[in-house]
Amino acid sequence: MGTHAIISLVKNGHTFIKILSGCDGENSLKLAKVIRENKMSNIKEIYDLAVRTKFGCKDCLVVMNKDTIIYKGDEKLDPSYRETFDKPSFNPRWENGTADFVIILQMNNLEWT
């Protein structure tokens, strides 16, 4: 594992955006701060920002909302990405759901959890 990371944006108890990376998770706090400060909710803009902040790579970066997934890797994503979407701290890359870096942004009142 090493540097897997999840950033989830949650509003009213439900995940509305989930950002996952299999590498460069140490950059998660930097990315989360910009998302929070700018109240970002467009997954294309978040994907582009993740690339610029070196959070993940083409083969492991996934940015998703309830309707759309942005992923530019070559392998097909497992259905567990969709199935575990509303579990903000669950990493679908691993059966046990763990990640080295997990940030959950409560967007209704902008508190960190």
Protein backbone atom coordinates (compact mmCIF):
# COMPACT_ATOMS: atom_id res chain seq x y z
CA MET A 1 0.00 0.00 0.00
CA GLY A 2 2.25 2.85 1.15
CA THR A 3 0.64 6.00 -0.18
CA HIS A 4 -3.00 5.23 -0.94
CA ALA A 5 -5.31 8.12 -0.15
CA ILE A 6 -8.97 9.08 -0.04
CA ILE A 7 -10.51 12.51 0.12
CA SER A 8 -14.27 12.46 0.50
CA LEU A 9 -16.61 15.42 0.38
CA VAL A 10 -19.67 14.80 2.53
CA LYS A 11 -22.82 16.85 2.89
CA ASN A 12 -25.76 16.03 5.18
CA GLY A 13 -24.21 12.66 6.01
CA HIS A 14 -23.74 11.49 2.40
CA THR A 15 -20.68 11.35 0.19
CA PHE A 16 -21.12 13.54 -2.87
CA ILE A 17 -17.55 13.43 -4.23
CA LYS A 18 -14.83 10.86 -3.62
CA ILE A 19 -11.21 11.26 -4.74
CA LEU A 20 -8.94 8.22 -4.58
CA SER A 21 -5.30 7.69 -5.40
CA GLY A 22 -3.02 4.69 -5.26
CA CYS A 23 0.14 6.81 -5.03
CA ASP A 24 1.27 10.25 -3.85
CA GLY A 25 -1.20 10.23 -0.97
CA GLU A 26 1.18 12.44 0.99
CA ASN A 27 -0.18 15.32 -1.12
CA SER A 28 -3.75 14.74 0.09
CA LEU A 29 -3.77 17.53 2.67
CA LYS A 30 -2.58 20.06 0.09
CA LEU A 31 -5.34 19.03 -2.32
CA ALA A 32 -8.03 18.93 0.39
CA LYS A 33 -7.16 22.43 1.59
CA VAL A 34 -7.61 23.93 -1.88
CA ILE A 35 -10.90 22.06 -2.38
CA ARG A 36 -12.16 23.23 1.00
CA GLU A 37 -11.04 26.85 0.63
CA ASN A 38 -12.63 27.14 -2.81
CA LYS A 39 -15.71 25.01 -2.00
CA MET A 40 -15.04 23.00 -5.16
CA SER A 41 -17.70 20.57 -6.35
CA ASN A 42 -16.93 20.09 -10.06
CA ILE A 43 -15.24 16.70 -10.47
CA LYS A 44 -13.42 17.70 -13.69
CA GLU A 45 -11.90 20.74 -11.93
CA ILE A 46 -10.99 18.56 -8.93
CA TYR A 47 -9.41 15.94 -11.20
CA ASP A 48 -7.30 18.62 -12.93
CA LEU A 49 -6.28 20.09 -9.57
CA ALA A 50 -5.31 16.63 -8.29
CA VAL A 51 -3.04 16.16 -11.32
CA ARG A 52 -1.47 19.61 -10.77
CA THR A 53 -0.86 18.93 -7.07
CA LYS A 54 0.64 15.51 -7.90
CA PHE A 55 -2.06 13.57 -6.04
CA GLY A 56 -2.12 10.22 -7.81
CA CYS A 57 -1.26 9.39 -11.40
CA LYS A 58 -3.10 8.52 -14.61
CA ASP A 59 -3.28 4.85 -13.66
CA CYS A 60 -4.58 5.32 -10.11
CA LEU A 61 -6.42 8.66 -9.79
CA VAL A 62 -10.19 8.33 -9.57
CA VAL A 63 -12.54 11.26 -9.01
CA MET A 64 -16.21 10.43 -8.81
CA ASN A 65 -19.62 11.67 -7.86
CA LYS A 66 -22.89 9.71 -7.73
CA ASP A 67 -23.29 9.84 -11.52
CA THR A 68 -19.83 10.10 -13.09
CA ILE A 69 -16.35 8.65 -12.71
CA ILE A 70 -13.24 10.34 -14.09
CA TYR A 71 -10.47 7.79 -14.48
CA LYS A 72 -7.91 7.73 -17.27
CA GLY A 73 -6.13 4.48 -16.46
CA ASP A 74 -6.03 1.45 -18.70
CA GLU A 75 -7.62 -1.11 -16.38
CA LYS A 76 -11.33 -1.42 -15.77
CA LEU A 77 -12.44 -0.21 -12.34
CA ASP A 78 -13.93 -2.78 -10.01
CA PRO A 79 -17.69 -2.41 -9.27
CA SER A 80 -16.75 -1.85 -5.61
CA TYR A 81 -15.94 1.78 -6.45
CA ARG A 82 -19.65 2.38 -7.05
CA GLU A 83 -20.82 -0.01 -4.33
CA THR A 84 -18.76 1.71 -1.59
CA PHE A 85 -19.20 5.29 -2.82
CA ASP A 86 -21.23 6.39 0.22
CA LYS A 87 -18.62 5.00 2.64
CA PRO A 88 -16.34 8.05 2.76
CA SER A 89 -13.32 6.35 4.36
CA PHE A 90 -13.51 3.07 2.41
CA ASN A 91 -10.78 2.39 -0.16
CA PRO A 92 -12.19 0.06 -2.84
CA ARG A 93 -8.67 -0.87 -3.98
CA TRP A 94 -8.32 -3.14 -0.95
CA GLU A 95 -10.73 -5.75 0.34
CA ASN A 96 -10.33 -4.38 3.87
CA GLY A 97 -10.94 -0.81 2.65
CA THR A 98 -7.91 0.85 4.23
CA ALA A 99 -5.80 3.75 3.00
CA ASP A 100 -2.76 5.51 4.44
CA PHE A 101 -4.30 8.96 4.16
CA VAL A 102 -8.02 9.59 4.69
CA ILE A 103 -9.55 13.06 4.73
CA ILE A 104 -13.27 13.61 5.07
CA LEU A 105 -14.45 17.14 4.38
CA GLN A 106 -17.81 17.94 5.93
CA MET A 107 -18.99 20.49 3.41
CA ASN A 108 -22.15 21.65 5.23
CA ASN A 109 -20.11 23.41 7.89
CA LEU A 110 -16.55 22.96 6.54
CA GLU A 111 -15.29 21.03 9.56
CA TRP A 112 -12.52 18.45 9.26
CA THR A 113 -13.14 14.97 10.58
